[in-house]
């Protein structure tokens, strides 16, 4: 892991993208239209678990994919 961003479920992110029939570039375009462009190569890294998004980035992707942030965040049982 190369940063201290939010731990997310990369598979949930990928599935949300695929449910919309979107490519990585489609997500990049949608986040850019909302004013918080997320580079497609980073989206791929988030899906693989190689990188963690910062909160603003996570929110932009969730909004673009019509899911909640909670659906993408890894929760730890107490």
Protein backbone atom coordinates (compact mmCIF):
# COMPACT_ATOMS: atom_id res chain seq x y z
CA UNK A 1 0.00 0.00 0.00
CA UNK A 2 1.58 3.28 -1.02
CA UNK A 3 -0.37 5.88 0.95
CA UNK A 4 -2.52 6.46 4.01
CA UNK A 5 -5.85 6.94 2.24
CA UNK A 6 -9.12 5.19 3.04
CA UNK A 7 -9.18 1.38 3.01
CA UNK A 8 -11.72 0.38 0.38
CA UNK A 9 -13.06 -2.82 -1.09
CA UNK A 10 -11.53 -2.74 -4.55
CA UNK A 11 -13.80 -5.51 -5.77
CA UNK A 12 -16.88 -3.50 -4.72
CA UNK A 13 -15.51 -0.52 -6.66
CA UNK A 14 -14.91 -2.67 -9.72
CA UNK A 15 -18.36 -4.26 -9.53
CA UNK A 16 -20.05 -0.84 -9.20
CA UNK A 17 -18.19 0.27 -12.32
CA UNK A 18 -19.07 -2.86 -14.26
CA UNK A 19 -22.76 -2.66 -13.24
CA UNK A 20 -22.88 0.67 -15.07
CA UNK A 21 -21.08 -0.90 -18.03
CA UNK A 22 -18.27 1.62 -17.64
CA UNK A 23 -14.58 1.49 -18.44
CA UNK A 24 -11.96 3.02 -16.19
CA UNK A 25 -11.89 6.03 -18.53
CA UNK A 26 -15.66 6.44 -18.15
CA UNK A 27 -15.23 6.79 -14.39
CA UNK A 28 -12.42 9.29 -14.96
CA UNK A 29 -14.71 11.33 -17.23
CA UNK A 30 -17.63 11.21 -14.78
CA UNK A 31 -15.51 12.33 -11.83
CA UNK A 32 -14.02 15.10 -13.96
CA UNK A 33 -17.46 16.35 -14.91
CA UNK A 34 -18.22 16.64 -11.19
CA UNK A 35 -15.05 18.71 -10.61
CA UNK A 36 -12.91 16.05 -8.94
CA UNK A 37 -11.21 14.17 -11.79
CA UNK A 38 -9.72 10.83 -10.75
CA UNK A 39 -7.13 9.46 -13.17
CA UNK A 40 -8.11 6.14 -14.73
CA UNK A 41 -4.76 4.56 -13.81
CA UNK A 42 -5.37 5.36 -10.14
CA UNK A 43 -8.87 3.88 -10.34
CA UNK A 44 -7.29 0.67 -11.57
CA UNK A 45 -4.84 0.76 -8.64
CA UNK A 46 -7.73 1.30 -6.19
CA UNK A 47 -9.56 -1.70 -7.64
CA UNK A 48 -6.46 -3.89 -7.29
CA UNK A 49 -5.78 -2.68 -3.76
CA UNK A 50 -2.42 -1.18 -4.71
CA UNK A 51 -3.45 2.33 -3.65
CA UNK A 52 -5.96 3.82 -1.22
CA UNK A 53 -8.02 6.85 -2.25
CA UNK A 54 -8.21 9.96 -0.13
CA UNK A 55 -11.69 10.86 1.17
CA UNK A 56 -12.43 13.46 -1.53
CA UNK A 57 -11.44 11.00 -4.25
CA UNK A 58 -13.51 8.22 -2.71
CA UNK A 59 -16.55 10.51 -2.55
CA UNK A 60 -16.10 11.55 -6.19
CA UNK A 61 -15.96 7.93 -7.34
CA UNK A 62 -18.95 6.90 -5.23
CA UNK A 63 -21.01 9.80 -6.57
CA UNK A 64 -20.02 9.03 -10.17
CA UNK A 65 -20.95 5.36 -9.74
CA UNK A 66 -24.23 6.09 -7.90
CA UNK A 67 -23.20 4.18 -4.77
CA UNK A 68 -22.61 5.28 -1.22
CA UNK A 69 -19.16 5.69 0.26
CA UNK A 70 -20.15 3.05 2.81
CA UNK A 71 -20.62 0.53 0.02
CA UNK A 72 -16.98 0.96 -0.96
CA UNK A 73 -15.27 1.28 2.42
CA UNK A 74 -13.78 -1.71 4.18
CA UNK A 75 -15.38 -2.09 7.59
CA UNK A 76 -13.58 -3.71 10.48
CA UNK A 77 -15.59 -5.74 12.97
CA UNK A 78 -15.08 -4.64 16.58
